[in-house]
Structure formats: structure tokens, C-alpha cells
Amino acid sequence: MDKTTQKLTVYFEEPFWVGVFERVSDGKLSVCKVTFGAEPKDYDVLEVIIRRYYQLVFSPSVEVTEKSGHVNPKRRQKIARKQTMQSGVGTRSQQALQLQREEMKTERRHISREERDAKKQRKFELNQQKRKEKHRGR
């Protein structure tokens, strides 16, 4: 059976509050960044999790080593407290977000190139049509 772990980190990144969803599945990490705007209340975060989770676009997967084994509950509590005190996102998450940004950038370039070529082709066809009409003496 495959093990999947998910984690949400909410932090303040000037000037907005940001949430980062981290999903580790089959030893691969993928991330998604959500901007909240003003400081989100618990019900705002819950709404994003319940209603918008399946529309989120996660980054391409990045290899990650996963620790396994039993952790003492008190130690787990201490680790959780430490993580809530920290601000920012782990470096692997940042790498995954950077990959997502690069992917979106290349996709945008591809789409804009196609639109530019289509516009150029339409203009060319229009000019050809005008030349034919002039040639026919209309």
C-alpha cells in the first residue's frame, strides 16, 4: 500500500499570507502555493482545504527521502511546536515551486508564440486576399 503524507504551512510573505501544500507520495514531493491575502482565519483555511483542494495545481514531483519509524508523541509535539515557530518553507518545497514556475513560464511562452504565429498568418491571408481583389479590378 502506498503511503501519502500531506502538510499545509501558512506563513506571512510580505505583503500577503501564503499557504504551501506539500504532498509526499511514493517518495516524491510536489507542492502548491496558495495566496490568502489578509491573515486567514481557521475557517478560511478549512474552506480552501475542503472546496478548492482538487482545483489546486501541484508542481512536478521532486525526489525526497522519507523518514519512517515511530516517534515519541512528546517529541512529535516538540517538533510541531518548533515548525510553527519557524517561518518560511523548506528548501525542497522551494525547489518544487521553482520547477512549477519554470513549467508555467515555458507554457506561457508556447501559447503566446502560437497566438503570435496565428495573428501573423491571419494578417498574411488578409493581405493576399486584398492583393487578389486589387488584381481582379474590383
N, C-alpha and C. Protein backbone atom coordinates (compact mmCIF):
# COMPACT_ATOMS: atom_id res chain seq x y z
N MET A 1 0.84 -1.18 0.00
CA MET A 1 0.00 0.00 0.00
C MET A 1 0.88 1.25 0.00
N ASP A 2 0.55 2.22 -0.82
CA ASP A 2 1.32 3.45 -0.93
C ASP A 2 0.98 4.38 0.22
N LYS A 3 2.01 5.05 0.72
CA LYS A 3 1.82 5.99 1.81
C LYS A 3 1.92 7.41 1.26
N THR A 4 0.91 8.22 1.57
CA THR A 4 0.88 9.60 1.12
C THR A 4 0.75 10.49 2.34
N THR A 5 1.63 11.48 2.45
CA THR A 5 1.53 12.44 3.54
C THR A 5 1.33 13.83 2.94
N GLN A 6 0.51 14.62 3.62
CA GLN A 6 0.23 15.97 3.16
C GLN A 6 0.41 16.93 4.32
N LYS A 7 0.90 18.11 3.99
CA LYS A 7 1.19 19.10 5.02
C LYS A 7 0.86 20.48 4.47
N LEU A 8 0.28 21.32 5.32
CA LEU A 8 -0.04 22.69 4.94
C LEU A 8 0.71 23.61 5.88
N THR A 9 1.48 24.54 5.30
CA THR A 9 2.20 25.54 6.08
C THR A 9 1.68 26.90 5.69
N VAL A 10 1.21 27.67 6.68
CA VAL A 10 0.73 29.02 6.42
C VAL A 10 1.71 29.99 7.05
N TYR A 11 2.19 30.95 6.27
CA TYR A 11 3.16 31.91 6.79
C TYR A 11 2.96 33.26 6.12
N PHE A 12 3.59 34.28 6.66
CA PHE A 12 3.47 35.64 6.13
C PHE A 12 4.65 35.93 5.23
N GLU A 13 4.34 36.20 3.96
CA GLU A 13 5.36 36.57 2.98
C GLU A 13 4.96 37.95 2.48
N GLU A 14 5.72 38.94 2.85
CA GLU A 14 5.39 40.35 2.60
C GLU A 14 4.79 40.56 1.23
N PRO A 15 3.66 41.10 1.00
CA PRO A 15 2.67 41.69 1.89
C PRO A 15 1.47 40.77 2.15
N PHE A 16 1.53 39.49 1.73
CA PHE A 16 0.37 38.60 1.86
C PHE A 16 0.66 37.39 2.74
N TRP A 17 -0.41 36.74 3.18
CA TRP A 17 -0.31 35.46 3.86
C TRP A 17 -0.38 34.38 2.79
N VAL A 18 0.49 33.40 2.91
CA VAL A 18 0.63 32.36 1.90
C VAL A 18 0.52 30.99 2.56
N GLY A 19 -0.12 30.07 1.88
CA GLY A 19 -0.19 28.69 2.33
C GLY A 19 0.51 27.81 1.32
N VAL A 20 1.31 26.86 1.81
CA VAL A 20 2.02 25.94 0.93
C VAL A 20 1.58 24.52 1.26
N PHE A 21 0.97 23.87 0.27
CA PHE A 21 0.57 22.48 0.42
C PHE A 21 1.72 21.62 -0.05
N GLU A 22 2.18 20.70 0.80
CA GLU A 22 3.24 19.77 0.43
C GLU A 22 2.64 18.37 0.43
N ARG A 23 2.85 17.63 -0.65
CA ARG A 23 2.31 16.28 -0.76
C ARG A 23 3.45 15.34 -1.10
N VAL A 24 3.68 14.33 -0.24
CA VAL A 24 4.73 13.34 -0.49
C VAL A 24 4.04 12.02 -0.78
N SER A 25 4.25 11.50 -1.98
CA SER A 25 3.64 10.25 -2.40
C SER A 25 4.69 9.44 -3.14
N ASP A 26 4.88 8.21 -2.74
CA ASP A 26 5.87 7.31 -3.35
C ASP A 26 7.27 7.92 -3.36
N GLY A 27 7.64 8.64 -2.32
CA GLY A 27 8.97 9.22 -2.23
C GLY A 27 9.18 10.43 -3.11
N LYS A 28 8.09 11.02 -3.62
CA LYS A 28 8.20 12.20 -4.48
C LYS A 28 7.38 13.33 -3.87
N LEU A 29 7.99 14.51 -3.83
CA LEU A 29 7.37 15.69 -3.23
C LEU A 29 6.82 16.59 -4.33
N SER A 30 5.58 17.02 -4.16
CA SER A 30 5.00 18.03 -5.05
C SER A 30 4.35 19.09 -4.18
N VAL A 31 4.38 20.33 -4.64
CA VAL A 31 3.96 21.46 -3.82
C VAL A 31 2.99 22.35 -4.60
N CYS A 32 2.18 23.09 -3.84
CA CYS A 32 1.29 24.07 -4.42
C CYS A 32 1.23 25.26 -3.48
N LYS A 33 1.27 26.45 -4.05
CA LYS A 33 1.27 27.67 -3.25
C LYS A 33 -0.08 28.37 -3.42
N VAL A 34 -0.69 28.76 -2.29
CA VAL A 34 -1.98 29.45 -2.30
C VAL A 34 -1.80 30.77 -1.56
N THR A 35 -2.23 31.87 -2.18
CA THR A 35 -2.13 33.19 -1.55
C THR A 35 -3.47 33.52 -0.92
N PHE A 36 -3.45 33.83 0.38
CA PHE A 36 -4.67 34.13 1.11
C PHE A 36 -4.99 35.63 1.11
N GLY A 37 -4.00 36.47 1.07
CA GLY A 37 -4.23 37.91 1.18
C GLY A 37 -4.09 38.33 2.62
N ALA A 38 -5.21 38.70 3.24
CA ALA A 38 -5.20 39.08 4.65
C ALA A 38 -5.00 37.81 5.49
N GLU A 39 -4.68 38.02 6.77
CA GLU A 39 -4.43 36.88 7.64
C GLU A 39 -5.66 35.97 7.67
N PRO A 40 -5.49 34.69 7.27
CA PRO A 40 -6.66 33.81 7.18
C PRO A 40 -7.09 33.30 8.54
N LYS A 41 -8.39 33.21 8.72
CA LYS A 41 -8.95 32.59 9.91
C LYS A 41 -8.96 31.08 9.67
N ASP A 42 -9.24 30.33 10.74
CA ASP A 42 -9.28 28.88 10.61
C ASP A 42 -10.31 28.44 9.57
N TYR A 43 -11.46 29.09 9.55
CA TYR A 43 -12.50 28.69 8.60
C TYR A 43 -12.11 29.01 7.16
N ASP A 44 -11.27 30.03 6.95
CA ASP A 44 -10.77 30.33 5.60
C ASP A 44 -9.86 29.22 5.10
N VAL A 45 -8.98 28.78 5.97
CA VAL A 45 -8.05 27.70 5.62
C VAL A 45 -8.83 26.42 5.36
N LEU A 46 -9.81 26.14 6.22
CA LEU A 46 -10.62 24.94 6.07
C LEU A 46 -11.40 24.98 4.75
N GLU A 47 -11.89 26.14 4.38
CA GLU A 47 -12.62 26.27 3.11
C GLU A 47 -11.72 25.95 1.92
N VAL A 48 -10.48 26.43 1.97
CA VAL A 48 -9.54 26.13 0.88
C VAL A 48 -9.28 24.63 0.82
N ILE A 49 -9.13 24.01 1.97
CA ILE A 49 -8.86 22.58 2.00
C ILE A 49 -10.06 21.78 1.48
N ILE A 50 -11.25 22.14 1.92
CA ILE A 50 -12.43 21.36 1.55
C ILE A 50 -12.90 21.65 0.13
N ARG A 51 -12.99 22.92 -0.23
CA ARG A 51 -13.63 23.26 -1.50
C ARG A 51 -12.66 23.40 -2.68
N ARG A 52 -11.46 23.89 -2.45
CA ARG A 52 -10.57 24.20 -3.56
C ARG A 52 -9.40 23.23 -3.71
N TYR A 53 -9.29 22.23 -2.85
CA TYR A 53 -8.11 21.36 -2.87
C TYR A 53 -7.95 20.65 -4.21
N TYR A 54 -9.06 20.19 -4.80
CA TYR A 54 -8.96 19.42 -6.04
C TYR A 54 -8.72 20.29 -7.26
N GLN A 55 -8.86 21.62 -7.13
CA GLN A 55 -8.54 22.51 -8.24
C GLN A 55 -7.10 23.01 -8.17
N LEU A 56 -6.39 22.72 -7.08
CA LEU A 56 -5.02 23.19 -6.92
C LEU A 56 -4.11 22.52 -7.95
N VAL A 57 -3.16 23.30 -8.45
CA VAL A 57 -2.20 22.78 -9.43
C VAL A 57 -0.88 22.56 -8.70
N PHE A 58 -0.52 21.30 -8.55
CA PHE A 58 0.71 20.95 -7.86
C PHE A 58 1.88 20.97 -8.84
N SER A 59 3.07 21.21 -8.29
CA SER A 59 4.29 21.28 -9.09
C SER A 59 4.69 19.88 -9.53
N PRO A 60 5.63 19.80 -10.48
CA PRO A 60 6.18 18.48 -10.84
C PRO A 60 6.87 17.85 -9.62
N SER A 61 6.89 16.54 -9.60
CA SER A 61 7.44 15.83 -8.44
C SER A 61 8.95 15.94 -8.36
N VAL A 62 9.44 15.99 -7.10
CA VAL A 62 10.87 16.03 -6.82
C VAL A 62 11.18 14.87 -5.88
N GLU A 63 12.27 14.17 -6.15
CA GLU A 63 12.66 13.05 -5.28
C GLU A 63 12.96 13.54 -3.87
N VAL A 64 12.52 12.78 -2.86
CA VAL A 64 12.77 13.13 -1.48
C VAL A 64 12.92 11.84 -0.68
N THR A 65 13.81 11.87 0.29
CA THR A 65 13.96 10.70 1.16
C THR A 65 12.97 10.85 2.29
N GLU A 66 12.25 9.78 2.56
CA GLU A 66 11.20 9.82 3.56
C GLU A 66 11.64 9.05 4.80
N LYS A 67 11.51 9.71 5.94
CA LYS A 67 11.87 9.06 7.19
C LYS A 67 10.68 8.24 7.68
N SER A 68 10.97 7.08 8.19
CA SER A 68 9.88 6.26 8.72
C SER A 68 10.27 5.77 10.09
N GLY A 69 9.31 5.33 10.82
CA GLY A 69 9.57 4.81 12.15
C GLY A 69 8.71 5.52 13.18
N HIS A 70 8.70 4.99 14.37
CA HIS A 70 7.89 5.54 15.45
C HIS A 70 8.60 6.72 16.10
N VAL A 71 7.82 7.76 16.36
CA VAL A 71 8.35 8.93 17.04
C VAL A 71 7.54 9.12 18.31
N ASN A 72 8.26 9.36 19.39
CA ASN A 72 7.61 9.57 20.68
C ASN A 72 6.62 10.74 20.56
N PRO A 73 5.40 10.59 21.11
CA PRO A 73 4.41 11.67 20.99
C PRO A 73 4.88 13.02 21.53
N LYS A 74 5.65 12.99 22.63
CA LYS A 74 6.15 14.25 23.18
C LYS A 74 7.15 14.89 22.22
N ARG A 75 7.99 14.06 21.60
CA ARG A 75 8.95 14.57 20.62
C ARG A 75 8.20 15.13 19.41
N ARG A 76 7.16 14.42 18.97
CA ARG A 76 6.35 14.88 17.84
C ARG A 76 5.72 16.24 18.16
N GLN A 77 5.25 16.40 19.40
CA GLN A 77 4.66 17.67 19.83
C GLN A 77 5.73 18.78 19.82
N LYS A 78 6.93 18.44 20.27
CA LYS A 78 8.02 19.41 20.29
C LYS A 78 8.39 19.83 18.87
N ILE A 79 8.44 18.86 17.96
CA ILE A 79 8.76 19.15 16.56
C ILE A 79 7.69 20.03 15.93
N ALA A 80 6.43 19.72 16.23
CA ALA A 80 5.32 20.52 15.68
C ALA A 80 5.40 21.95 16.19
N ARG A 81 5.71 22.12 17.48
CA ARG A 81 5.82 23.47 18.05
C ARG A 81 6.96 24.24 17.38
N LYS A 82 8.07 23.53 17.17
CA LYS A 82 9.23 24.15 16.53
C LYS A 82 8.90 24.58 15.10
N GLN A 83 8.15 23.74 14.37
CA GLN A 83 7.80 24.06 13.00
C GLN A 83 6.85 25.25 12.92
N THR A 84 5.95 25.38 13.90
CA THR A 84 5.03 26.52 13.88
C THR A 84 5.77 27.81 14.20
N MET A 85 6.86 27.73 14.94
CA MET A 85 7.63 28.93 15.27
C MET A 85 8.50 29.37 14.09
N GLN A 86 8.87 28.44 13.25
CA GLN A 86 9.70 28.78 12.09
C GLN A 86 8.85 29.49 11.06
N SER A 87 9.48 30.37 10.31
CA SER A 87 8.77 30.99 9.19
C SER A 87 9.44 30.56 7.91
N GLY A 88 8.68 30.50 6.85
CA GLY A 88 9.25 30.11 5.57
C GLY A 88 8.94 28.68 5.24
N VAL A 89 9.49 28.24 4.12
CA VAL A 89 9.21 26.92 3.60
C VAL A 89 10.53 26.18 3.44
N GLY A 90 10.47 24.86 3.51
CA GLY A 90 11.66 24.05 3.34
C GLY A 90 12.26 24.24 1.95
N THR A 91 13.53 23.97 1.81
CA THR A 91 14.21 24.20 0.54
C THR A 91 13.68 23.28 -0.55
N ARG A 92 13.32 22.06 -0.22
CA ARG A 92 12.76 21.15 -1.23
C ARG A 92 11.45 21.71 -1.77
N SER A 93 10.66 22.29 -0.89
CA SER A 93 9.41 22.90 -1.33
C SER A 93 9.69 24.07 -2.26
N GLN A 94 10.69 24.86 -1.91
CA GLN A 94 11.05 25.99 -2.75
C GLN A 94 11.52 25.52 -4.12
N GLN A 95 12.27 24.43 -4.16
CA GLN A 95 12.73 23.88 -5.43
C GLN A 95 11.55 23.42 -6.27
N ALA A 96 10.60 22.76 -5.62
CA ALA A 96 9.42 22.28 -6.34
C ALA A 96 8.60 23.45 -6.88
N LEU A 97 8.46 24.51 -6.07
CA LEU A 97 7.73 25.69 -6.53
C LEU A 97 8.46 26.35 -7.70
N GLN A 98 9.79 26.37 -7.65
CA GLN A 98 10.57 26.95 -8.74
C GLN A 98 10.36 26.14 -10.03
N LEU A 99 10.31 24.81 -9.89
CA LEU A 99 10.05 23.97 -11.06
C LEU A 99 8.68 24.29 -11.65
N GLN A 100 7.70 24.48 -10.77
CA GLN A 100 6.35 24.81 -11.24
C GLN A 100 6.35 26.15 -11.97
N ARG A 101 7.06 27.15 -11.41
CA ARG A 101 7.14 28.46 -12.06
C ARG A 101 7.75 28.35 -13.46
N GLU A 102 8.84 27.57 -13.56
CA GLU A 102 9.51 27.39 -14.84
C GLU A 102 8.59 26.71 -15.85
N GLU A 103 7.85 25.71 -15.39
CA GLU A 103 6.93 24.99 -16.26
C GLU A 103 5.84 25.93 -16.78
N MET A 104 5.29 26.76 -15.90
CA MET A 104 4.25 27.71 -16.29
C MET A 104 4.82 28.74 -17.27
N LYS A 105 6.08 29.13 -17.05
CA LYS A 105 6.73 30.12 -17.91
C LYS A 105 6.88 29.58 -19.33
N THR A 106 7.35 28.34 -19.46
CA THR A 106 7.51 27.75 -20.79
C THR A 106 6.16 27.54 -21.46
N GLU A 107 5.16 27.19 -20.67
CA GLU A 107 3.81 27.02 -21.22
C GLU A 107 3.27 28.35 -21.74
N ARG A 108 3.47 29.43 -20.97
CA ARG A 108 3.04 30.76 -21.39
C ARG A 108 3.74 31.17 -22.69
N ARG A 109 5.05 30.91 -22.75
CA ARG A 109 5.81 31.25 -23.95
C ARG A 109 5.27 30.52 -25.17
N HIS A 110 4.97 29.22 -24.99
CA HIS A 110 4.46 28.40 -26.07
C HIS A 110 3.12 28.94 -26.57
N ILE A 111 2.22 29.27 -25.65
CA ILE A 111 0.89 29.77 -26.01
C ILE A 111 1.01 31.11 -26.72
N SER A 112 1.84 32.02 -26.18
CA SER A 112 1.97 33.33 -26.80
C SER A 112 2.60 33.22 -28.19
N ARG A 113 3.53 32.28 -28.37
CA ARG A 113 4.14 32.08 -29.69
C ARG A 113 3.08 31.59 -30.68
N GLU A 114 2.23 30.65 -30.25
CA GLU A 114 1.18 30.16 -31.13
C GLU A 114 0.22 31.28 -31.51
N GLU A 115 -0.16 32.11 -30.53
CA GLU A 115 -1.06 33.23 -30.82
C GLU A 115 -0.42 34.21 -31.80
N ARG A 116 0.86 34.50 -31.59
CA ARG A 116 1.59 35.43 -32.46
C ARG A 116 1.65 34.88 -33.89
N ASP A 117 1.95 33.58 -34.02
CA ASP A 117 2.01 32.97 -35.35
C ASP A 117 0.64 32.97 -36.03
N ALA A 118 -0.42 32.70 -35.25
CA ALA A 118 -1.77 32.70 -35.81
C ALA A 118 -2.14 34.10 -36.29
N LYS A 119 -1.78 35.12 -35.51
CA LYS A 119 -2.07 36.50 -35.90
C LYS A 119 -1.32 36.87 -37.18
N LYS A 120 -0.06 36.44 -37.25
CA LYS A 120 0.76 36.70 -38.43
C LYS A 120 0.15 36.03 -39.67
N GLN A 121 -0.31 34.79 -39.49
CA GLN A 121 -0.91 34.05 -40.60
C GLN A 121 -2.21 34.72 -41.07
N ARG A 122 -3.05 35.17 -40.13
CA ARG A 122 -4.29 35.87 -40.48
C ARG A 122 -3.99 37.14 -41.27
N LYS A 123 -2.99 37.89 -40.80
CA LYS A 123 -2.61 39.12 -41.47
C LYS A 123 -2.11 38.84 -42.89
N PHE A 124 -1.32 37.79 -43.04
CA PHE A 124 -0.80 37.40 -44.34
C PHE A 124 -1.94 37.03 -45.30
N GLU A 125 -2.89 36.21 -44.79
CA GLU A 125 -4.02 35.80 -45.62
C GLU A 125 -4.87 37.00 -46.01
N LEU A 126 -5.07 37.94 -45.10
CA LEU A 126 -5.83 39.14 -45.40
C LEU A 126 -5.14 39.97 -46.49
N ASN A 127 -3.82 40.10 -46.38
CA ASN A 127 -3.06 40.82 -47.41
C ASN A 127 -3.14 40.12 -48.76
N GLN A 128 -3.08 38.80 -48.76
CA GLN A 128 -3.19 38.03 -50.01
C GLN A 128 -4.56 38.25 -50.65
N GLN A 129 -5.59 38.24 -49.80
CA GLN A 129 -6.95 38.44 -50.30
C GLN A 129 -7.08 39.84 -50.91
N LYS A 130 -6.53 40.84 -50.23
CA LYS A 130 -6.59 42.21 -50.75
C LYS A 130 -5.87 42.32 -52.10
N ARG A 131 -4.72 41.66 -52.22
CA ARG A 131 -3.96 41.69 -53.48
C ARG A 131 -4.76 41.06 -54.61
N LYS A 132 -5.45 39.94 -54.30
CA LYS A 132 -6.26 39.28 -55.33
C LYS A 132 -7.40 40.18 -55.77
N GLU A 133 -8.02 40.85 -54.80
CA GLU A 133 -9.14 41.73 -55.13
C GLU A 133 -8.65 42.91 -55.99
N LYS A 134 -7.50 43.46 -55.69
CA LYS A 134 -6.94 44.55 -56.49
C LYS A 134 -6.61 44.07 -57.90
N HIS A 135 -6.10 42.86 -57.97
CA HIS A 135 -5.70 42.29 -59.26
C HIS A 135 -6.91 42.07 -60.18
N ARG A 136 -8.04 41.70 -59.56
CA ARG A 136 -9.25 41.42 -60.35
C ARG A 136 -9.95 42.70 -60.78
N GLY A 137 -9.51 43.82 -60.25
CA GLY A 137 -10.09 45.08 -60.66
C GLY A 137 -11.39 45.41 -59.94
N ARG A 138 -11.60 44.96 -58.80
CA ARG A 138 -12.82 45.23 -58.04
C ARG A 138 -12.71 46.45 -57.19
